[in-house]
Amino acid sequence: LIRFAEGHEFHGAEARLRGMNLGEYMEATGQ
C-alpha cells in the first residue's frame, strides 16, 4: 500500500500494488 506522508505534495493519494517475483525483480534490476 503506497501512501504519502502528511505535507507531501501527493498526500491523500493511495495505490495498492502486487510485489514482484524473483524473476521480475532480476529483470527489472538487470541482474
mmCIF file of all heavy atoms, coordinates in Angstrom:
data_MODEL
# 
_entry.id   MODEL 
# 
loop_
_atom_site.group_PDB 
_atom_site.id 
_atom_site.type_symbol 
_atom_site.label_atom_id 
_atom_site.label_alt_id 
_atom_site.label_comp_id 
_atom_site.label_asym_id 
_atom_site.label_entity_id 
_atom_site.label_seq_id 
_atom_site.pdbx_PDB_ins_code 
_atom_site.Cartn_x 
_atom_site.Cartn_y 
_atom_site.Cartn_z 
_atom_site.occupancy 
_atom_site.B_iso_or_equiv 
_atom_site.pdbx_formal_charge 
_atom_site.auth_seq_id 
_atom_site.auth_comp_id 
_atom_site.auth_asym_id 
_atom_site.auth_atom_id 
_atom_site.pdbx_PDB_model_num 
ATOM 1   N N   . LEU A 1 1  ? 0.861  -1.176  0.000   1.00 0.00 ? 1  LEU A N   1 
ATOM 2   C CA  . LEU A 1 1  ? 0.000  0.000   0.000   1.00 0.00 ? 1  LEU A CA  1 
ATOM 3   C C   . LEU A 1 1  ? 0.897  1.226   0.000   1.00 0.00 ? 1  LEU A C   1 
ATOM 4   O O   . LEU A 1 1  ? 1.722  1.405   0.900   1.00 0.00 ? 1  LEU A O   1 
ATOM 5   C CB  . LEU A 1 1  ? -0.914 0.009   1.225   1.00 0.00 ? 1  LEU A CB  1 
ATOM 6   C CG  . LEU A 1 1  ? -1.823 1.232   1.356   1.00 0.00 ? 1  LEU A CG  1 
ATOM 7   C CD1 . LEU A 1 1  ? -2.775 1.341   0.161   1.00 0.00 ? 1  LEU A CD1 1 
ATOM 8   C CD2 . LEU A 1 1  ? -2.608 1.171   2.656   1.00 0.00 ? 1  LEU A CD2 1 
ATOM 9   N N   . ILE A 1 2  ? 0.741  2.039   -1.014  1.00 0.00 ? 2  ILE A N   1 
ATOM 10  C CA  . ILE A 1 2  ? 1.545  3.250   -1.145  1.00 0.00 ? 2  ILE A CA  1 
ATOM 11  C C   . ILE A 1 2  ? 0.730  4.428   -0.629  1.00 0.00 ? 2  ILE A C   1 
ATOM 12  O O   . ILE A 1 2  ? -0.398 4.665   -1.088  1.00 0.00 ? 2  ILE A O   1 
ATOM 13  C CB  . ILE A 1 2  ? 1.932  3.508   -2.628  1.00 0.00 ? 2  ILE A CB  1 
ATOM 14  C CG1 . ILE A 1 2  ? 2.569  2.282   -3.264  1.00 0.00 ? 2  ILE A CG1 1 
ATOM 15  C CG2 . ILE A 1 2  ? 2.813  4.738   -2.743  1.00 0.00 ? 2  ILE A CG2 1 
ATOM 16  C CD1 . ILE A 1 2  ? 3.799  1.766   -2.585  1.00 0.00 ? 2  ILE A CD1 1 
ATOM 17  N N   . ARG A 1 3  ? 1.289  5.133   0.312   1.00 0.00 ? 3  ARG A N   1 
ATOM 18  C CA  . ARG A 1 3  ? 0.695  6.360   0.867   1.00 0.00 ? 3  ARG A CA  1 
ATOM 19  C C   . ARG A 1 3  ? 1.793  7.384   1.025   1.00 0.00 ? 3  ARG A C   1 
ATOM 20  O O   . ARG A 1 3  ? 2.941  7.038   1.271   1.00 0.00 ? 3  ARG A O   1 
ATOM 21  C CB  . ARG A 1 3  ? 0.087  6.096   2.244   1.00 0.00 ? 3  ARG A CB  1 
ATOM 22  C CG  . ARG A 1 3  ? -1.120 5.223   2.240   1.00 0.00 ? 3  ARG A CG  1 
ATOM 23  C CD  . ARG A 1 3  ? -1.643 5.071   3.645   1.00 0.00 ? 3  ARG A CD  1 
ATOM 24  N NE  . ARG A 1 3  ? -2.869 4.297   3.664   1.00 0.00 ? 3  ARG A NE  1 
ATOM 25  C CZ  . ARG A 1 3  ? -3.339 3.694   4.725   1.00 0.00 ? 3  ARG A CZ  1 
ATOM 26  N NH1 . ARG A 1 3  ? -2.690 3.763   5.865   1.00 0.00 ? 3  ARG A NH1 1 
ATOM 27  N NH2 . ARG A 1 3  ? -4.460 3.019   4.651   1.00 0.00 ? 3  ARG A NH2 1 
ATOM 28  N N   . PHE A 1 4  ? 1.419  8.626   0.927   1.00 0.00 ? 4  PHE A N   1 
ATOM 29  C CA  . PHE A 1 4  ? 2.384  9.703   1.101   1.00 0.00 ? 4  PHE A CA  1 
ATOM 30  C C   . PHE A 1 4  ? 2.134  10.388  2.438   1.00 0.00 ? 4  PHE A C   1 
ATOM 31  O O   . PHE A 1 4  ? 0.986  10.587  2.840   1.00 0.00 ? 4  PHE A O   1 
ATOM 32  C CB  . PHE A 1 4  ? 2.286  10.714  -0.050  1.00 0.00 ? 4  PHE A CB  1 
ATOM 33  C CG  . PHE A 1 4  ? 2.621  10.100  -1.387  1.00 0.00 ? 4  PHE A CG  1 
ATOM 34  C CD1 . PHE A 1 4  ? 1.626  9.778   -2.283  1.00 0.00 ? 4  PHE A CD1 1 
ATOM 35  C CD2 . PHE A 1 4  ? 3.937  9.834   -1.722  1.00 0.00 ? 4  PHE A CD2 1 
ATOM 36  C CE1 . PHE A 1 4  ? 1.926  9.213   -3.506  1.00 0.00 ? 4  PHE A CE1 1 
ATOM 37  C CE2 . PHE A 1 4  ? 4.253  9.252   -2.939  1.00 0.00 ? 4  PHE A CE2 1 
ATOM 38  C CZ  . PHE A 1 4  ? 3.244  8.947   -3.837  1.00 0.00 ? 4  PHE A CZ  1 
ATOM 39  N N   . ALA A 1 5  ? 3.214  10.759  3.099   1.00 0.00 ? 5  ALA A N   1 
ATOM 40  C CA  . ALA A 1 5  ? 3.133  11.377  4.420   1.00 0.00 ? 5  ALA A CA  1 
ATOM 41  C C   . ALA A 1 5  ? 2.445  12.743  4.346   1.00 0.00 ? 5  ALA A C   1 
ATOM 42  O O   . ALA A 1 5  ? 2.441  13.408  3.301   1.00 0.00 ? 5  ALA A O   1 
ATOM 43  C CB  . ALA A 1 5  ? 4.536  11.537  5.000   1.00 0.00 ? 5  ALA A CB  1 
ATOM 44  N N   . GLU A 1 6  ? 1.896  13.140  5.468   1.00 0.00 ? 6  GLU A N   1 
ATOM 45  C CA  . GLU A 1 6  ? 1.272  14.458  5.563   1.00 0.00 ? 6  GLU A CA  1 
ATOM 46  C C   . GLU A 1 6  ? 2.320  15.505  5.217   1.00 0.00 ? 6  GLU A C   1 
ATOM 47  O O   . GLU A 1 6  ? 3.479  15.409  5.620   1.00 0.00 ? 6  GLU A O   1 
ATOM 48  C CB  . GLU A 1 6  ? 0.755  14.675  6.985   1.00 0.00 ? 6  GLU A CB  1 
ATOM 49  C CG  . GLU A 1 6  ? -0.168 15.859  7.092   1.00 0.00 ? 6  GLU A CG  1 
ATOM 50  C CD  . GLU A 1 6  ? -0.876 15.912  8.435   1.00 0.00 ? 6  GLU A CD  1 
ATOM 51  O OE1 . GLU A 1 6  ? -1.232 14.849  8.973   1.00 0.00 ? 6  GLU A OE1 1 
ATOM 52  O OE2 . GLU A 1 6  ? -1.061 17.032  8.929   1.00 0.00 ? 6  GLU A OE2 1 
ATOM 53  N N   . GLY A 1 7  ? 1.924  16.479  4.437   1.00 0.00 ? 7  GLY A N   1 
ATOM 54  C CA  . GLY A 1 7  ? 2.844  17.519  3.992   1.00 0.00 ? 7  GLY A CA  1 
ATOM 55  C C   . GLY A 1 7  ? 3.465  17.213  2.630   1.00 0.00 ? 7  GLY A C   1 
ATOM 56  O O   . GLY A 1 7  ? 4.011  18.103  1.988   1.00 0.00 ? 7  GLY A O   1 
ATOM 57  N N   . HIS A 1 8  ? 3.392  15.963  2.183   1.00 0.00 ? 8  HIS A N   1 
ATOM 58  C CA  . HIS A 1 8  ? 3.904  15.597  0.860   1.00 0.00 ? 8  HIS A CA  1 
ATOM 59  C C   . HIS A 1 8  ? 2.971  16.169  -0.196  1.00 0.00 ? 8  HIS A C   1 
ATOM 60  O O   . HIS A 1 8  ? 1.764  16.276  0.012   1.00 0.00 ? 8  HIS A O   1 
ATOM 61  C CB  . HIS A 1 8  ? 3.981  14.065  0.735   1.00 0.00 ? 8  HIS A CB  1 
ATOM 62  C CG  . HIS A 1 8  ? 4.669  13.597  -0.503  1.00 0.00 ? 8  HIS A CG  1 
ATOM 63  N ND1 . HIS A 1 8  ? 4.053  13.560  -1.734  1.00 0.00 ? 8  HIS A ND1 1 
ATOM 64  C CD2 . HIS A 1 8  ? 5.932  13.146  -0.697  1.00 0.00 ? 8  HIS A CD2 1 
ATOM 65  C CE1 . HIS A 1 8  ? 4.895  13.104  -2.635  1.00 0.00 ? 8  HIS A CE1 1 
ATOM 66  N NE2 . HIS A 1 8  ? 6.047  12.840  -2.028  1.00 0.00 ? 8  HIS A NE2 1 
ATOM 67  N N   . GLU A 1 9  ? 3.512  16.522  -1.315  1.00 0.00 ? 9  GLU A N   1 
ATOM 68  C CA  . GLU A 1 9  ? 2.740  17.089  -2.431  1.00 0.00 ? 9  GLU A CA  1 
ATOM 69  C C   . GLU A 1 9  ? 1.538  16.213  -2.803  1.00 0.00 ? 9  GLU A C   1 
ATOM 70  O O   . GLU A 1 9  ? 0.483  16.721  -3.169  1.00 0.00 ? 9  GLU A O   1 
ATOM 71  C CB  . GLU A 1 9  ? 3.671  17.236  -3.630  1.00 0.00 ? 9  GLU A CB  1 
ATOM 72  C CG  . GLU A 1 9  ? 3.013  17.672  -4.901  1.00 0.00 ? 9  GLU A CG  1 
ATOM 73  C CD  . GLU A 1 9  ? 3.979  17.730  -6.072  1.00 0.00 ? 9  GLU A CD  1 
ATOM 74  O OE1 . GLU A 1 9  ? 5.126  17.255  -5.948  1.00 0.00 ? 9  GLU A OE1 1 
ATOM 75  O OE2 . GLU A 1 9  ? 3.556  18.248  -7.125  1.00 0.00 ? 9  GLU A OE2 1 
ATOM 76  N N   . PHE A 1 10 ? 1.684  14.897  -2.688  1.00 0.00 ? 10 PHE A N   1 
ATOM 77  C CA  . PHE A 1 10 ? 0.618  13.984  -3.093  1.00 0.00 ? 10 PHE A CA  1 
ATOM 78  C C   . PHE A 1 10 ? -0.043 13.275  -1.907  1.00 0.00 ? 10 PHE A C   1 
ATOM 79  O O   . PHE A 1 10 ? -0.614 12.195  -2.068  1.00 0.00 ? 10 PHE A O   1 
ATOM 80  C CB  . PHE A 1 10 ? 1.158  12.954  -4.100  1.00 0.00 ? 10 PHE A CB  1 
ATOM 81  C CG  . PHE A 1 10 ? 1.706  13.588  -5.348  1.00 0.00 ? 10 PHE A CG  1 
ATOM 82  C CD1 . PHE A 1 10 ? 3.028  13.435  -5.709  1.00 0.00 ? 10 PHE A CD1 1 
ATOM 83  C CD2 . PHE A 1 10 ? 0.888  14.368  -6.164  1.00 0.00 ? 10 PHE A CD2 1 
ATOM 84  C CE1 . PHE A 1 10 ? 3.531  14.029  -6.852  1.00 0.00 ? 10 PHE A CE1 1 
ATOM 85  C CE2 . PHE A 1 10 ? 1.377  14.974  -7.311  1.00 0.00 ? 10 PHE A CE2 1 
ATOM 86  C CZ  . PHE A 1 10 ? 2.713  14.802  -7.661  1.00 0.00 ? 10 PHE A CZ  1 
ATOM 87  N N   . HIS A 1 11 ? 0.029  13.900  -0.735  1.00 0.00 ? 11 HIS A N   1 
ATOM 88  C CA  . HIS A 1 11 ? -0.631 13.325  0.447   1.00 0.00 ? 11 HIS A CA  1 
ATOM 89  C C   . HIS A 1 11 ? -2.113 13.114  0.137   1.00 0.00 ? 11 HIS A C   1 
ATOM 90  O O   . HIS A 1 11 ? -2.779 13.986  -0.393  1.00 0.00 ? 11 HIS A O   1 
ATOM 91  C CB  . HIS A 1 11 ? -0.488 14.252  1.653   1.00 0.00 ? 11 HIS A CB  1 
ATOM 92  C CG  . HIS A 1 11 ? -1.238 13.782  2.857   1.00 0.00 ? 11 HIS A CG  1 
ATOM 93  N ND1 . HIS A 1 11 ? -0.868 12.676  3.566   1.00 0.00 ? 11 HIS A ND1 1 
ATOM 94  C CD2 . HIS A 1 11 ? -2.363 14.251  3.447   1.00 0.00 ? 11 HIS A CD2 1 
ATOM 95  C CE1 . HIS A 1 11 ? -1.718 12.477  4.556   1.00 0.00 ? 11 HIS A CE1 1 
ATOM 96  N NE2 . HIS A 1 11 ? -2.641 13.429  4.506   1.00 0.00 ? 11 HIS A NE2 1 
ATOM 97  N N   . GLY A 1 12 ? -2.619 11.931  0.456   1.00 0.00 ? 12 GLY A N   1 
ATOM 98  C CA  . GLY A 1 12 ? -4.007 11.580  0.185   1.00 0.00 ? 12 GLY A CA  1 
ATOM 99  C C   . GLY A 1 12 ? -4.141 10.593  -0.954  1.00 0.00 ? 12 GLY A C   1 
ATOM 100 O O   . GLY A 1 12 ? -5.095 9.826   -1.003  1.00 0.00 ? 12 GLY A O   1 
ATOM 101 N N   . ALA A 1 13 ? -3.168 10.596  -1.872  1.00 0.00 ? 13 ALA A N   1 
ATOM 102 C CA  . ALA A 1 13 ? -3.186 9.620   -2.961  1.00 0.00 ? 13 ALA A CA  1 
ATOM 103 C C   . ALA A 1 13 ? -2.711 8.281   -2.401  1.00 0.00 ? 13 ALA A C   1 
ATOM 104 O O   . ALA A 1 13 ? -1.773 8.224   -1.619  1.00 0.00 ? 13 ALA A O   1 
ATOM 105 C CB  . ALA A 1 13 ? -2.268 10.062  -4.100  1.00 0.00 ? 13 ALA A CB  1 
ATOM 106 N N   . GLU A 1 14 ? -3.403 7.218   -2.811  1.00 0.00 ? 14 GLU A N   1 
ATOM 107 C CA  . GLU A 1 14 ? -3.037 5.866   -2.373  1.00 0.00 ? 14 GLU A CA  1 
ATOM 108 C C   . GLU A 1 14 ? -3.080 4.926   -3.560  1.00 0.00 ? 14 GLU A C   1 
ATOM 109 O O   . GLU A 1 14 ? -3.879 5.103   -4.473  1.00 0.00 ? 14 GLU A O   1 
ATOM 110 C CB  . GLU A 1 14 ? -4.014 5.346   -1.314  1.00 0.00 ? 14 GLU A CB  1 
ATOM 111 C CG  . GLU A 1 14 ? -3.976 6.100   -0.019  1.00 0.00 ? 14 GLU A CG  1 
ATOM 112 C CD  . GLU A 1 14 ? -4.924 5.516   1.014   1.00 0.00 ? 14 GLU A CD  1 
ATOM 113 O OE1 . GLU A 1 14 ? -5.605 4.499   0.737   1.00 0.00 ? 14 GLU A OE1 1 
ATOM 114 O OE2 . GLU A 1 14 ? -5.000 6.085   2.114   1.00 0.00 ? 14 GLU A OE2 1 
ATOM 115 N N   . ALA A 1 15 ? -2.229 3.927   -3.514  1.00 0.00 ? 15 ALA A N   1 
ATOM 116 C CA  . ALA A 1 15 ? -2.236 2.882   -4.544  1.00 0.00 ? 15 ALA A CA  1 
ATOM 117 C C   . ALA A 1 15 ? -1.845 1.563   -3.887  1.00 0.00 ? 15 ALA A C   1 
ATOM 118 O O   . ALA A 1 15 ? -1.068 1.539   -2.945  1.00 0.00 ? 15 ALA A O   1 
ATOM 119 C CB  . ALA A 1 15 ? -1.255 3.219   -5.666  1.00 0.00 ? 15 ALA A CB  1 
ATOM 120 N N   . ARG A 1 16 ? -2.418 0.489   -4.377  1.00 0.00 ? 16 ARG A N   1 
ATOM 121 C CA  . ARG A 1 16 ? -2.055 -0.855  -3.918  1.00 0.00 ? 16 ARG A CA  1 
ATOM 122 C C   . ARG A 1 16 ? -1.470 -1.587  -5.121  1.00 0.00 ? 16 ARG A C   1 
ATOM 123 O O   . ARG A 1 16 ? -2.057 -1.587  -6.200  1.00 0.00 ? 16 ARG A O   1 
ATOM 124 C CB  . ARG A 1 16 ? -3.262 -1.607  -3.372  1.00 0.00 ? 16 ARG A CB  1 
ATOM 125 C CG  . ARG A 1 16 ? -2.870 -2.991  -2.827  1.00 0.00 ? 16 ARG A CG  1 
ATOM 126 C CD  . ARG A 1 16 ? -3.926 -3.620  -1.968  1.00 0.00 ? 16 ARG A CD  1 
ATOM 127 N NE  . ARG A 1 16 ? -4.280 -2.889  -0.781  1.00 0.00 ? 16 ARG A NE  1 
ATOM 128 C CZ  . ARG A 1 16 ? -3.578 -2.893  0.375   1.00 0.00 ? 16 ARG A CZ  1 
ATOM 129 N NH1 . ARG A 1 16 ? -2.469 -3.580  0.458   1.00 0.00 ? 16 ARG A NH1 1 
ATOM 130 N NH2 . ARG A 1 16 ? -4.004 -2.227  1.415   1.00 0.00 ? 16 ARG A NH2 1 
ATOM 131 N N   . LEU A 1 17 ? -0.295 -2.185  -4.905  1.00 0.00 ? 17 LEU A N   1 
ATOM 132 C CA  . LEU A 1 17 ? 0.401  -2.896  -5.976  1.00 0.00 ? 17 LEU A CA  1 
ATOM 133 C C   . LEU A 1 17 ? 0.857  -4.264  -5.507  1.00 0.00 ? 17 LEU A C   1 
ATOM 134 O O   . LEU A 1 17 ? 1.148  -4.457  -4.331  1.00 0.00 ? 17 LEU A O   1 
ATOM 135 C CB  . LEU A 1 17 ? 1.647  -2.108  -6.418  1.00 0.00 ? 17 LEU A CB  1 
ATOM 136 C CG  . LEU A 1 17 ? 1.347  -0.791  -7.100  1.00 0.00 ? 17 LEU A CG  1 
ATOM 137 C CD1 . LEU A 1 17 ? 1.669  0.358   -6.209  1.00 0.00 ? 17 LEU A CD1 1 
ATOM 138 C CD2 . LEU A 1 17 ? 2.114  -0.688  -8.395  1.00 0.00 ? 17 LEU A CD2 1 
ATOM 139 N N   . ARG A 1 18 ? 0.913  -5.195  -6.469  1.00 0.00 ? 18 ARG A N   1 
ATOM 140 C CA  . ARG A 1 18 ? 1.485  -6.508  -6.200  1.00 0.00 ? 18 ARG A CA  1 
ATOM 141 C C   . ARG A 1 18 ? 2.999  -6.371  -6.147  1.00 0.00 ? 18 ARG A C   1 
ATOM 142 O O   . ARG A 1 18 ? 3.583  -5.521  -6.826  1.00 0.00 ? 18 ARG A O   1 
ATOM 143 C CB  . ARG A 1 18 ? 1.169  -7.486  -7.342  1.00 0.00 ? 18 ARG A CB  1 
ATOM 144 C CG  . ARG A 1 18 ? -0.211 -8.032  -7.382  1.00 0.00 ? 18 ARG A CG  1 
ATOM 145 C CD  . ARG A 1 18 ? -0.402 -9.079  -8.487  1.00 0.00 ? 18 ARG A CD  1 
ATOM 146 N NE  . ARG A 1 18 ? -0.123 -8.562  -9.839  1.00 0.00 ? 18 ARG A NE  1 
ATOM 147 C CZ  . ARG A 1 18 ? 0.969  -8.836  -10.533 1.00 0.00 ? 18 ARG A CZ  1 
ATOM 148 N NH1 . ARG A 1 18 ? 1.902  -9.608  -10.069 1.00 0.00 ? 18 ARG A NH1 1 
ATOM 149 N NH2 . ARG A 1 18 ? 1.121  -8.328  -11.739 1.00 0.00 ? 18 ARG A NH2 1 
ATOM 150 N N   . GLY A 1 19 ? 3.626  -7.239  -5.379  1.00 0.00 ? 19 GLY A N   1 
ATOM 151 C CA  . GLY A 1 19 ? 5.078  -7.298  -5.371  1.00 0.00 ? 19 GLY A CA  1 
ATOM 152 C C   . GLY A 1 19 ? 5.582  -7.987  -6.626  1.00 0.00 ? 19 GLY A C   1 
ATOM 153 O O   . GLY A 1 19 ? 4.803  -8.437  -7.463  1.00 0.00 ? 19 GLY A O   1 
ATOM 154 N N   . MET A 1 20 ? 6.881  -8.074  -6.757  1.00 0.00 ? 20 MET A N   1 
ATOM 155 C CA  . MET A 1 20 ? 7.491  -8.759  -7.896  1.00 0.00 ? 20 MET A CA  1 
ATOM 156 C C   . MET A 1 20 ? 7.952  -10.141 -7.456  1.00 0.00 ? 20 MET A C   1 
ATOM 157 O O   . MET A 1 20 ? 8.401  -10.317 -6.333  1.00 0.00 ? 20 MET A O   1 
ATOM 158 C CB  . MET A 1 20 ? 8.730  -7.999  -8.379  1.00 0.00 ? 20 MET A CB  1 
ATOM 159 C CG  . MET A 1 20 ? 8.457  -6.682  -9.023  1.00 0.00 ? 20 MET A CG  1 
ATOM 160 S SD  . MET A 1 20 ? 10.040 -6.038  -9.652  1.00 0.00 ? 20 MET A SD  1 
ATOM 161 C CE  . MET A 1 20 ? 9.597  -4.328  -9.874  1.00 0.00 ? 20 MET A CE  1 
ATOM 162 N N   . ASN A 1 21 ? 7.875  -11.098 -8.379  1.00 0.00 ? 21 ASN A N   1 
ATOM 163 C CA  . ASN A 1 21 ? 8.523  -12.367 -8.092  1.00 0.00 ? 21 ASN A CA  1 
ATOM 164 C C   . ASN A 1 21 ? 10.012 -12.192 -8.386  1.00 0.00 ? 21 ASN A C   1 
ATOM 165 O O   . ASN A 1 21 ? 10.445 -11.163 -8.924  1.00 0.00 ? 21 ASN A O   1 
ATOM 166 C CB  . ASN A 1 21 ? 7.883  -13.520 -8.881  1.00 0.00 ? 21 ASN A CB  1 
ATOM 167 C CG  . ASN A 1 21 ? 8.024  -13.370 -10.376 1.00 0.00 ? 21 ASN A CG  1 
ATOM 168 O OD1 . ASN A 1 21 ? 9.049  -12.936 -10.894 1.00 0.00 ? 21 ASN A OD1 1 
ATOM 169 N ND2 . ASN A 1 21 ? 6.972  -13.731 -11.099 1.00 0.00 ? 21 ASN A ND2 1 
ATOM 170 N N   . LEU A 1 22 ? 10.814 -13.174 -8.037  1.00 0.00 ? 22 LEU A N   1 
ATOM 171 C CA  . LEU A 1 22 ? 12.259 -13.047 -8.185  1.00 0.00 ? 22 LEU A CA  1 
ATOM 172 C C   . LEU A 1 22 ? 12.664 -12.814 -9.639  1.00 0.00 ? 22 LEU A C   1 
ATOM 173 O O   . LEU A 1 22 ? 13.542 -11.990 -9.915  1.00 0.00 ? 22 LEU A O   1 
ATOM 174 C CB  . LEU A 1 22 ? 12.970 -14.284 -7.626  1.00 0.00 ? 22 LEU A CB  1 
ATOM 175 C CG  . LEU A 1 22 ? 14.492 -14.231 -7.663  1.00 0.00 ? 22 LEU A CG  1 
ATOM 176 C CD1 . LEU A 1 22 ? 15.022 -13.033 -6.879  1.00 0.00 ? 22 LEU A CD1 1 
ATOM 177 C CD2 . LEU A 1 22 ? 15.083 -15.517 -7.145  1.00 0.00 ? 22 LEU A CD2 1 
ATOM 178 N N   . GLY A 1 23 ? 12.010 -13.493 -10.564 1.00 0.00 ? 23 GLY A N   1 
ATOM 179 C CA  . GLY A 1 23 ? 12.340 -13.314 -11.979 1.00 0.00 ? 23 GLY A CA  1 
ATOM 180 C C   . GLY A 1 23 ? 12.086 -11.882 -12.443 1.00 0.00 ? 23 GLY A C   1 
ATOM 181 O O   . GLY A 1 23 ? 12.915 -11.297 -13.146 1.00 0.00 ? 23 GLY A O   1 
ATOM 182 N N   . GLU A 1 24 ? 10.956 -11.313 -12.039 1.00 0.00 ? 24 GLU A N   1 
ATOM 183 C CA  . GLU A 1 24 ? 10.640 -9.927  -12.406 1.00 0.00 ? 24 GLU A CA  1 
ATOM 184 C C   . GLU A 1 24 ? 11.649 -8.963  -11.786 1.00 0.00 ? 24 GLU A C   1 
ATOM 185 O O   . GLU A 1 24 ? 12.087 -8.013  -12.434 1.00 0.00 ? 24 GLU A O   1 
ATOM 186 C CB  . GLU A 1 24 ? 9.230  -9.564  -11.931 1.00 0.00 ? 24 GLU A CB  1 
ATOM 187 C CG  . GLU A 1 24 ? 8.130  -10.280 -12.664 1.00 0.00 ? 24 GLU A CG  1 
ATOM 188 C CD  . GLU A 1 24 ? 6.775  -10.102 -12.001 1.00 0.00 ? 24 GLU A CD  1 
ATOM 189 O OE1 . GLU A 1 24 ? 6.695  -10.060 -10.747 1.00 0.00 ? 24 GLU A OE1 1 
ATOM 190 O OE2 . GLU A 1 24 ? 5.796  -9.999  -12.745 1.00 0.00 ? 24 GLU A OE2 1 
ATOM 191 N N   . TYR A 1 25 ? 11.990 -9.219  -10.529 1.00 0.00 ? 25 TYR A N   1 
ATOM 192 C CA  . TYR A 1 25 ? 12.940 -8.358  -9.829  1.00 0.00 ? 25 TYR A CA  1 
ATOM 193 C C   . TYR A 1 25 ? 14.302 -8.390  -10.523 1.00 0.00 ? 25 TYR A C   1 
ATOM 194 O O   . TYR A 1 25 ? 14.914 -7.347  -10.748 1.00 0.00 ? 25 TYR A O   1 
ATOM 195 C CB  . TYR A 1 25 ? 13.066 -8.795  -8.367  1.00 0.00 ? 25 TYR A CB  1 
ATOM 196 C CG  . TYR A 1 25 ? 14.062 -7.994  -7.587  1.00 0.00 ? 25 TYR A CG  1 
ATOM 197 C CD1 . TYR A 1 25 ? 13.721 -6.746  -7.072  1.00 0.00 ? 25 TYR A CD1 1 
ATOM 198 C CD2 . TYR A 1 25 ? 15.357 -8.459  -7.370  1.00 0.00 ? 25 TYR A CD2 1 
ATOM 199 C CE1 . TYR A 1 25 ? 14.639 -5.992  -6.365  1.00 0.00 ? 25 TYR A CE1 1 
ATOM 200 C CE2 . TYR A 1 25 ? 16.275 -7.713  -6.672  1.00 0.00 ? 25 TYR A CE2 1 
ATOM 201 C CZ  . TYR A 1 25 ? 15.912 -6.483  -6.162  1.00 0.00 ? 25 TYR A CZ  1 
ATOM 202 O OH  . TYR A 1 25 ? 16.834 -5.730  -5.468  1.00 0.00 ? 25 TYR A OH  1 
ATOM 203 N N   . MET A 1 26 ? 14.761 -9.584  -10.866 1.00 0.00 ? 26 MET A N   1 
ATOM 204 C CA  . MET A 1 26 ? 16.058 -9.704  -11.536 1.00 0.00 ? 26 MET A CA  1 
ATOM 205 C C   . MET A 1 26 ? 16.042 -9.024  -12.902 1.00 0.00 ? 26 MET A C   1 
ATOM 206 O O   . MET A 1 26 ? 17.008 -8.372  -13.295 1.00 0.00 ? 26 MET A O   1 
ATOM 207 C CB  . MET A 1 26 ? 16.464 -11.170 -11.641 1.00 0.00 ? 26 MET A CB  1 
ATOM 208 C CG  . MET A 1 26 ? 16.791 -11.773 -10.278 1.00 0.00 ? 26 MET A CG  1 
ATOM 209 S SD  . MET A 1 26 ? 17.256 -13.492 -10.340 1.00 0.00 ? 26 MET A SD  1 
ATOM 210 C CE  . MET A 1 26 ? 18.851 -13.380 -11.137 1.00 0.00 ? 26 MET A CE  1 
ATOM 211 N N   . GLU A 1 27 ? 14.922 -9.137  -13.612 1.00 0.00 ? 27 GLU A N   1 
ATOM 212 C CA  . GLU A 1 27 ? 14.794 -8.474  -14.908 1.00 0.00 ? 27 GLU A CA  1 
ATOM 213 C C   . GLU A 1 27 ? 14.782 -6.955  -14.735 1.00 0.00 ? 27 GLU A C   1 
ATOM 214 O O   . GLU A 1 27 ? 15.455 -6.229  -15.463 1.00 0.00 ? 27 GLU A O   1 
ATOM 215 C CB  . GLU A 1 27 ? 13.510 -8.933  -15.596 1.00 0.00 ? 27 GLU A CB  1 
ATOM 216 C CG  . GLU A 1 27 ? 13.306 -8.335  -16.963 1.00 0.00 ? 27 GLU A CG  1 
ATOM 217 C CD  . GLU A 1 27 ? 12.003 -8.782  -17.605 1.00 0.00 ? 27 GLU A CD  1 
ATOM 218 O OE1 . GLU A 1 27 ? 11.658 -9.977  -17.484 1.00 0.00 ? 27 GLU A OE1 1 
ATOM 219 O OE2 . GLU A 1 27 ? 11.333 -7.934  -18.206 1.00 0.00 ? 27 GLU A OE2 1 
ATOM 220 N N   . ALA A 1 28 ? 14.023 -6.466  -13.752 1.00 0.00 ? 28 ALA A N   1 
ATOM 221 C CA  . ALA A 1 28 ? 13.902 -5.018  -13.528 1.00 0.00 ? 28 ALA A CA  1 
ATOM 222 C C   . ALA A 1 28 ? 15.229 -4.395  -13.119 1.00 0.00 ? 28 ALA A C   1 
ATOM 223 O O   . ALA A 1 28 ? 15.534 -3.264  -13.498 1.00 0.00 ? 28 ALA A O   1 
ATOM 224 C CB  . ALA A 1 28 ? 12.846 -4.738  -12.463 1.00 0.00 ? 28 ALA A CB  1 
ATOM 225 N N   . THR A 1 29 ? 16.035 -5.135  -12.359 1.00 0.00 ? 29 THR A N   1 
ATOM 226 C CA  . THR A 1 29 ? 17.301 -4.609  -11.865 1.00 0.00 ? 29 THR A CA  1 
ATOM 227 C C   . THR A 1 29 ? 18.484 -4.918  -12.760 1.00 0.00 ? 29 THR A C   1 
ATOM 228 O O   . THR A 1 29 ? 19.588 -4.442  -12.513 1.00 0.00 ? 29 THR A O   1 
ATOM 229 C CB  . THR A 1 29 ? 17.596 -5.139  -10.446 1.00 0.00 ? 29 THR A CB  1 
ATOM 230 O OG1 . THR A 1 29 ? 17.661 -6.571  -10.502 1.00 0.00 ? 29 THR A OG1 1 
ATOM 231 C CG2 . THR A 1 29 ? 16.545 -4.687  -9.455  1.00 0.00 ? 29 THR A CG2 1 
ATOM 232 N N   . GLY A 1 30 ? 18.272 -5.721  -13.799 1.00 0.00 ? 30 GLY A N   1 
ATOM 233 C CA  . GLY A 1 30 ? 19.352 -6.084  -14.706 1.00 0.00 ? 30 GLY A CA  1 
ATOM 234 C C   . GLY A 1 30 ? 20.191 -7.240  -14.200 1.00 0.00 ? 30 GLY A C   1 
ATOM 235 O O   . GLY A 1 30 ? 21.206 -7.584  -14.801 1.00 0.00 ? 30 GLY A O   1 
ATOM 236 N N   . GLN A 1 31 ? 19.778 -7.874  -13.122 1.00 0.00 ? 31 GLN A N   1 
ATOM 237 C CA  . GLN A 1 31 ? 20.548 -8.987  -12.568 1.00 0.00 ? 31 GLN A CA  1 
ATOM 238 C C   . GLN A 1 31 ? 20.386 -10.264 -13.386 1.00 0.00 ? 31 GLN A C   1 
ATOM 239 O O   . GLN A 1 31 ? 21.051 -11.258 -13.102 1.00 0.00 ? 31 GLN A O   1 
ATOM 240 C CB  . GLN A 1 31 ? 20.143 -9.234  -11.115 1.00 0.00 ? 31 GLN A CB  1 
ATOM 241 C CG  . GLN A 1 31 ? 20.524 -8.092  -10.207 1.00 0.00 ? 31 GLN A CG  1 
ATOM 242 C CD  . GLN A 1 31 ? 20.118 -8.351  -8.777  1.00 0.00 ? 31 GLN A CD  1 
ATOM 243 O OE1 . GLN A 1 31 ? 20.164 -9.471  -8.297  1.00 0.00 ? 31 GLN A OE1 1 
ATOM 244 N NE2 . GLN A 1 31 ? 19.718 -7.300  -8.082  1.00 0.00 ? 31 GLN A NE2 1 
# 
